Protein backbone atom coordinates (compact mmCIF):
# COMPACT_ATOMS: atom_id res chain seq x y z
CA UNK A 1 -1.02 -34.04 -50.54
CA UNK A 2 0.53 -35.15 -53.86
CA UNK A 3 0.77 -31.60 -55.17
CA UNK A 4 2.00 -29.69 -52.15
CA UNK A 5 5.34 -29.57 -50.47
CA UNK A 6 5.84 -32.23 -47.70
CA UNK A 7 6.55 -29.42 -45.23
CA UNK A 8 3.04 -28.05 -45.71
CA UNK A 9 1.41 -31.46 -45.05
CA UNK A 10 0.81 -30.79 -41.26
CA UNK A 11 -0.96 -27.54 -42.24
CA UNK A 12 -3.14 -29.47 -44.69
CA UNK A 13 -4.01 -32.10 -42.15
CA UNK A 14 -4.95 -29.49 -39.53
CA UNK A 15 -7.00 -27.56 -42.20
CA UNK A 16 -8.95 -30.81 -42.92
CA UNK A 17 -9.47 -31.93 -39.24
CA UNK A 18 -10.40 -28.58 -37.75
CA UNK A 19 -13.06 -27.66 -40.39
CA UNK A 20 -14.47 -31.22 -40.15
CA UNK A 21 -14.96 -30.69 -36.39
CA UNK A 22 -16.48 -27.24 -36.78
CA UNK A 23 -18.98 -28.33 -39.52
CA UNK A 24 -20.21 -31.17 -37.41
CA UNK A 25 -20.16 -29.48 -34.06
CA UNK A 26 -21.34 -25.98 -34.84
CA UNK A 27 -24.83 -27.14 -33.72
CA UNK A 28 -24.34 -30.83 -32.95
CA UNK A 29 -24.22 -32.26 -29.47
CA UNK A 30 -22.30 -32.48 -27.29
CA UNK A 31 -20.21 -29.43 -28.29
CA UNK A 32 -22.99 -27.16 -29.83
CA UNK A 33 -20.68 -24.11 -30.37
CA UNK A 34 -23.63 -21.89 -31.61
CA UNK A 35 -25.57 -22.75 -28.40
CA UNK A 36 -22.54 -21.71 -26.30
CA UNK A 37 -22.18 -18.12 -27.55
CA UNK A 38 -19.11 -18.80 -29.70
CA UNK A 39 -20.65 -19.65 -32.97
CA UNK A 40 -20.01 -16.24 -34.57
CA UNK A 41 -16.29 -16.44 -33.86
CA UNK A 42 -16.09 -19.89 -35.54
CA UNK A 43 -18.15 -18.83 -38.52
CA UNK A 44 -15.66 -15.97 -39.06
CA UNK A 45 -12.73 -18.17 -38.48
CA UNK A 46 -13.86 -21.07 -40.80
CA UNK A 47 -15.03 -18.91 -43.67
CA UNK A 48 -12.14 -16.30 -43.28
CA UNK A 49 -8.71 -17.46 -42.10
CA UNK A 50 -9.16 -21.15 -42.52
CA UNK A 51 -10.84 -20.98 -46.01
CA UNK A 52 -8.16 -18.52 -47.30
CA UNK A 53 -5.35 -20.58 -45.64
CA UNK A 54 -6.41 -23.88 -47.17
CA UNK A 55 -6.59 -22.24 -50.62
CA UNK A 56 -3.05 -20.96 -50.06
CA UNK A 57 -1.78 -24.33 -48.86
CA UNK A 58 -3.29 -26.10 -51.82
CA UNK A 59 -1.36 -23.66 -54.08
CA UNK A 60 1.82 -24.67 -52.28
CA UNK A 61 2.20 -21.17 -50.67
CA UNK A 62 1.64 -21.75 -47.03
CA UNK A 63 1.07 -18.77 -44.79
CA UNK A 64 2.51 -15.91 -47.00
CA UNK A 65 2.13 -12.39 -45.45
CA UNK A 66 -0.24 -11.23 -48.09
CA UNK A 67 -2.35 -14.27 -47.67
CA UNK A 68 -2.49 -13.47 -43.93
CA UNK A 69 -3.63 -9.90 -44.75
CA UNK A 70 -6.48 -11.12 -46.94
CA UNK A 71 -7.72 -13.68 -44.41
CA UNK A 72 -10.36 -11.74 -42.42
CA UNK A 73 -12.46 -10.38 -45.38
CA UNK A 74 -14.25 -13.44 -46.46
CA UNK A 75 -15.07 -14.51 -42.83
CA UNK A 76 -16.39 -10.98 -42.12
CA UNK A 77 -18.66 -11.13 -45.15
CA UNK A 78 -20.10 -14.48 -44.16
CA UNK A 79 -20.52 -13.27 -40.49
CA UNK A 80 -22.65 -10.37 -41.83
CA UNK A 81 -25.11 -12.92 -43.22
CA UNK A 82 -25.16 -14.75 -39.91
CA UNK A 83 -25.83 -11.64 -37.89
CA UNK A 84 -28.92 -10.63 -39.89
CA UNK A 85 -30.20 -14.27 -39.85
CA UNK A 86 -29.81 -14.26 -36.08
CA UNK A 87 -31.92 -10.99 -35.83
CA UNK A 88 -34.64 -12.66 -38.03
CA UNK A 89 -34.48 -15.86 -36.00
CA UNK A 90 -34.19 -14.30 -32.52
CA UNK A 91 -37.43 -15.65 -31.10
CA UNK A 92 -36.81 -19.23 -32.25
CA UNK A 93 -33.21 -19.10 -31.16
CA UNK A 94 -34.18 -17.90 -27.79
CA UNK A 95 -36.80 -20.66 -27.44
CA UNK A 96 -34.30 -23.37 -28.38
CA UNK A 97 -31.46 -21.96 -26.35
CA UNK A 98 -29.25 -21.07 -29.20
CA UNK A 99 -27.08 -18.46 -27.58
CA UNK A 100 -26.23 -16.21 -30.60
CA UNK A 101 -25.12 -12.63 -30.25
CA UNK A 102 -28.71 -11.29 -31.22
CA UNK A 103 -30.14 -13.33 -28.21
CA UNK A 104 -27.44 -12.11 -25.96
CA UNK A 105 -27.51 -8.39 -26.68
CA UNK A 106 -30.77 -7.81 -28.64
CA UNK A 107 -31.49 -6.59 -32.04
CA UNK A 108 -30.50 -2.85 -31.58
CA UNK A 109 -26.94 -3.65 -30.54
CA UNK A 110 -26.74 -6.55 -33.03
CA UNK A 111 -27.47 -4.02 -35.81
CA UNK A 112 -24.60 -1.92 -34.68
CA UNK A 113 -22.34 -5.05 -34.42
CA UNK A 114 -23.34 -5.82 -38.08
CA UNK A 115 -22.48 -2.33 -39.30
CA UNK A 116 -19.14 -2.65 -37.51
CA UNK A 117 -18.38 -5.96 -39.12
CA UNK A 118 -19.04 -4.40 -42.51
CA UNK A 119 -16.84 -1.44 -41.55
CA UNK A 120 -14.00 -3.91 -40.61
CA UNK A 121 -14.30 -5.65 -43.91
CA UNK A 122 -13.87 -2.47 -45.85
CA UNK A 123 -10.90 -1.57 -43.58
CA UNK A 124 -9.45 -5.02 -44.33
CA UNK A 125 -9.55 -4.25 -48.13
CA UNK A 126 -7.85 -1.01 -47.51
CA UNK A 127 -5.09 -2.57 -45.48
CA UNK A 128 -4.65 -5.31 -48.00
CA UNK A 129 -4.33 -2.81 -50.79
CA UNK A 130 -1.75 -0.91 -48.71
CA UNK A 131 0.30 -4.11 -48.13
CA UNK A 132 0.19 -4.97 -51.83
CA UNK A 133 1.35 -1.50 -53.00
CA UNK A 134 0.12 0.53 -55.98
CA UNK A 135 -0.54 -2.62 -58.04
CA UNK A 136 -3.09 -3.66 -55.32
CA UNK A 137 -5.47 -0.75 -56.08
CA UNK A 138 -7.97 -3.00 -58.07
CA UNK A 139 -8.58 -4.80 -54.68
CA UNK A 140 -10.64 -1.72 -53.72
CA UNK A 141 -13.21 -2.68 -56.30
CA UNK A 142 -14.57 -5.11 -53.59
CA UNK A 143 -15.47 -2.07 -51.55
CA UNK A 144 -17.66 -0.46 -54.24
CA UNK A 145 -20.92 -2.37 -53.44
CA UNK A 146 -20.57 -1.13 -49.82
CA UNK A 147 -20.97 2.38 -50.88
CA UNK A 148 -24.22 1.60 -52.69
CA UNK A 149 -25.84 -1.16 -50.75
CA UNK A 150 -24.80 -0.63 -47.09
CA UNK A 151 -26.71 2.55 -46.60
CA UNK A 152 -29.94 0.73 -47.79
CA UNK A 153 -29.27 -2.12 -45.43
CA UNK A 154 -28.67 0.26 -42.47
CA UNK A 155 -32.00 2.04 -43.33
CA UNK A 156 -33.82 -1.32 -43.34
CA UNK A 157 -32.11 -2.36 -40.07
CA UNK A 158 -33.35 1.04 -38.59
CA UNK A 159 -31.03 0.19 -35.75
CA UNK A 160 -32.97 -2.73 -34.52
CA UNK A 161 -36.70 -1.75 -34.49
CA UNK A 162 -37.18 -5.48 -34.97
CA UNK A 163 -39.56 -5.31 -37.98
CA UNK A 164 -39.29 -8.92 -39.46
CA UNK A 165 -40.18 -7.92 -42.96
CA UNK A 166 -37.55 -5.15 -42.95
CA UNK A 167 -34.99 -7.59 -41.58
CA UNK A 168 -35.85 -9.99 -44.26
CA UNK A 169 -35.44 -7.28 -46.93
CA UNK A 170 -32.10 -6.31 -45.34
CA UNK A 171 -31.07 -9.95 -45.47
CA UNK A 172 -31.79 -10.19 -49.17
CA UNK A 173 -29.86 -6.91 -49.95
CA UNK A 174 -27.00 -8.25 -47.68
CA UNK A 175 -26.80 -11.44 -49.74
CA UNK A 176 -26.58 -9.26 -52.95
CA UNK A 177 -23.83 -7.30 -51.23
CA UNK A 178 -21.99 -10.54 -50.29
CA UNK A 179 -22.17 -11.79 -53.82
CA UNK A 180 -21.15 -8.58 -55.52
CA UNK A 181 -18.29 -8.15 -52.93
CA UNK A 182 -17.10 -11.77 -53.60
CA UNK A 183 -17.04 -11.21 -57.36
CA UNK A 184 -15.33 -7.90 -57.31
CA UNK A 185 -12.89 -8.97 -54.65
CA UNK A 186 -11.78 -11.88 -56.84
CA UNK A 187 -11.66 -9.71 -59.99
CA UNK A 188 -9.63 -7.09 -58.14
CA UNK A 189 -7.09 -9.64 -56.85
CA UNK A 190 -6.81 -11.05 -60.41
CA UNK A 191 -6.24 -7.62 -61.95
CA UNK A 192 -3.65 -6.88 -59.26
CA UNK A 193 -1.74 -9.94 -60.05
CA UNK A 194 -1.91 -9.08 -63.80
CA UNK A 195 -0.58 -5.59 -63.17
CA UNK A 196 2.18 -6.87 -60.94
CA UNK A 197 3.18 -9.45 -63.61
CA UNK A 198 3.67 -6.77 -66.23
């Protein structure tokens, strides 16, 4: 609070209270968001819009239009990890009443949702680049790992045949994808800022 404008304090408070609630009640009683079929939305929201927004507020920016354009990507990347995890954990989740998307629609359709989520992430990078203008081109570095690793993951998922070992291998490759995307996305944003500053 000492380093941001007073006008941003309500946003800062909200961005402390809401994540605190979500981190406790994602699985904790009595709310149990993940058991009520809304866990995926809140994972995307917490690791995407809220995480980017709190970083923006802490830098005294608030909700700048470019910040808003960048909000979905990190949540979509985190959601991809959750989706593969749900496919692996489907029997246990079903037994304990955890009502994730894989339990609700099955592995074949969840595999397609996973690929759609990754497609939306790449689309988000394209839109962000377009919003930034020519100096935003380095942001597209974040999409490079998708060209290399996403086809491998899709092959391992095999549109939901449900082979647990293949799903585990897909999960490992997906974590690599997530880490490479994160590094290259940050690098791309930094390079874009350097180019704009010249």
